[in-house]
Amino acid sequence: MGRRRYRRRSSTSGAAIVSDVISAANRAPWWAALLLGVLPWLIFALALPAWIEHQQAALEGNPFRAMIAPWFERRMHWLGWIGNACLVAGLFFAVRNYLWQKPLDRNERGLVAFLARLLGRNLD
């Protein structure tokens, strides 16, 4: 009988970034939860894609540009998704922490993370 190998999820994935924002925003006051949603959105959805576009424009005339362009496009889409999911989570916890002070438990945070990732994909 074969053994099952447990593979731990990488801590640098986009879902881990969203989960970290959710856990921090869950314990923060409403204004900090709002900042925890807006700042990653500014970084991931606006600043990093603009930097990637700049890097892509710097490759103008390079023969490898056609090969690297799809990679850049996938990263920009991925970064936009992370930013949107963090914004949704931050807005949710800003409203929730303004109305109720009790933090969510682990199962409820997982549900919020799932919904934030789902809505983050639909906001593109």
Protein backbone atom coordinates (compact mmCIF):
# COMPACT_ATOMS: atom_id res chain seq x y z
CA MET A 1 0.00 0.00 0.00
CA GLY A 2 1.43 3.33 -1.01
CA ARG A 3 1.86 6.26 1.26
CA ARG A 4 0.25 9.56 0.67
CA ARG A 5 2.69 12.37 0.56
CA TYR A 6 1.59 15.56 2.20
CA ARG A 7 2.54 18.54 0.11
CA ARG A 8 2.45 21.84 1.89
CA ARG A 9 1.10 24.80 -0.02
CA SER A 10 3.71 27.35 -0.96
CA SER A 11 3.62 30.44 1.20
CA THR A 12 4.38 32.74 -1.73
CA SER A 13 1.27 31.98 -3.77
CA GLY A 14 -1.37 34.60 -4.49
CA ALA A 15 -3.88 32.80 -2.30
CA ALA A 16 -1.45 32.98 0.63
CA ILE A 17 -1.11 36.74 0.16
CA VAL A 18 -4.90 37.13 0.25
CA SER A 19 -5.14 34.85 3.30
CA ASP A 20 -2.50 36.92 5.11
CA VAL A 21 -4.40 40.13 4.39
CA ILE A 22 -7.59 38.49 5.67
CA SER A 23 -6.01 37.30 8.91
CA ALA A 24 -4.44 40.70 9.60
CA ALA A 25 -7.60 42.64 8.71
CA ASN A 26 -9.68 40.36 10.92
CA ARG A 27 -7.79 41.49 14.03
CA ALA A 28 -7.36 45.14 13.05
CA PRO A 29 -9.69 48.09 13.67
CA TRP A 30 -11.91 49.16 10.78
CA TRP A 31 -9.59 51.90 9.51
CA ALA A 32 -6.56 49.58 9.52
CA ALA A 33 -8.58 46.88 7.72
CA LEU A 34 -9.45 49.45 5.06
CA LEU A 35 -5.76 50.33 4.68
CA LEU A 36 -4.89 46.63 4.54
CA GLY A 37 -7.24 46.33 1.57
CA VAL A 38 -6.35 49.52 -0.29
CA LEU A 39 -2.54 49.39 0.02
CA PRO A 40 -2.11 45.90 -1.50
CA TRP A 41 -4.56 46.90 -4.21
CA LEU A 42 -2.45 49.94 -5.04
CA ILE A 43 0.71 47.84 -5.09
CA PHE A 44 -0.53 44.70 -6.85
CA ALA A 45 -3.19 46.08 -9.20
CA LEU A 46 -1.61 49.42 -10.14
CA ALA A 47 2.10 49.80 -9.33
CA LEU A 48 3.50 46.38 -10.23
CA PRO A 49 1.60 46.07 -13.56
CA ALA A 50 2.81 49.58 -14.48
CA TRP A 51 6.38 48.52 -13.68
CA ILE A 52 5.96 45.36 -15.76
CA GLU A 53 4.64 47.43 -18.68
CA HIS A 54 7.70 49.66 -18.36
CA GLN A 55 9.98 46.63 -18.42
CA GLN A 56 8.15 45.27 -21.44
CA ALA A 57 8.50 48.61 -23.26
CA ALA A 58 12.23 48.57 -22.53
CA LEU A 59 12.47 45.34 -24.54
CA GLU A 60 11.30 47.07 -27.74
CA GLY A 61 13.38 45.78 -30.62
CA ASN A 62 14.69 42.82 -28.63
CA PRO A 63 14.27 39.49 -30.48
CA PHE A 64 13.19 37.79 -27.25
CA ARG A 65 10.33 40.23 -26.65
CA ALA A 66 7.80 38.03 -28.46
CA MET A 67 8.77 35.12 -26.26
CA ILE A 68 8.64 37.06 -22.98
CA ALA A 69 5.46 39.09 -23.70
CA PRO A 70 3.00 36.26 -22.83
CA TRP A 71 4.83 35.72 -19.54
CA PHE A 72 4.45 39.42 -18.71
CA GLU A 73 0.74 39.32 -19.60
CA ARG A 74 0.08 36.35 -17.30
CA ARG A 75 1.88 38.05 -14.43
CA MET A 76 -0.09 41.27 -14.91
CA HIS A 77 -3.36 39.34 -14.83
CA TRP A 78 -2.26 37.44 -11.71
CA LEU A 79 -1.21 40.64 -9.94
CA GLY A 80 -4.53 42.31 -10.78
CA TRP A 81 -6.38 39.34 -9.33
CA ILE A 82 -4.39 39.50 -6.07
CA GLY A 83 -4.98 43.25 -5.78
CA ASN A 84 -8.72 42.95 -6.38
CA ALA A 85 -9.09 40.09 -3.90
CA CYS A 86 -7.19 42.06 -1.23
CA LEU A 87 -9.39 45.10 -1.89
CA VAL A 88 -12.59 43.04 -1.52
CA ALA A 89 -11.31 41.47 1.71
CA GLY A 90 -10.21 44.81 3.13
CA LEU A 91 -13.53 46.46 2.35
CA PHE A 92 -15.42 43.54 3.89
CA PHE A 93 -13.43 43.67 7.11
CA ALA A 94 -13.58 47.48 7.28
CA VAL A 95 -17.38 47.34 7.28
CA ARG A 96 -17.54 44.27 9.50
CA ASN A 97 -15.06 45.59 12.08
CA TYR A 98 -16.90 48.91 12.17
CA LEU A 99 -20.16 47.15 13.05
CA TRP A 100 -18.89 44.20 15.16
CA GLN A 101 -15.70 43.96 17.20
CA LYS A 102 -15.57 40.17 17.64
CA PRO A 103 -13.01 38.55 15.27
CA LEU A 104 -14.00 35.67 12.99
CA ASP A 105 -12.88 32.13 13.67
CA ARG A 106 -10.79 30.03 11.28
CA ASN A 107 -13.69 28.51 9.30
CA GLU A 108 -15.35 31.87 8.75
CA ARG A 109 -12.03 33.40 7.63
CA GLY A 110 -11.69 30.56 5.11
CA LEU A 111 -15.12 31.35 3.71
CA VAL A 112 -14.23 35.04 3.43
CA ALA A 113 -10.96 34.11 1.69
CA PHE A 114 -12.81 31.93 -0.79
CA LEU A 115 -15.36 34.65 -1.56
CA ALA A 116 -12.65 37.33 -1.87
CA ARG A 117 -10.70 35.19 -4.35
CA LEU A 118 -13.88 34.46 -6.31
CA LEU A 119 -14.95 38.10 -6.44
CA GLY A 120 -11.38 39.18 -7.21
CA ARG A 121 -11.49 37.11 -10.39
CA ASN A 122 -14.82 38.57 -11.44
CA LEU A 123 -13.65 42.18 -10.98
CA ASP A 124 -11.10 41.99 -13.81
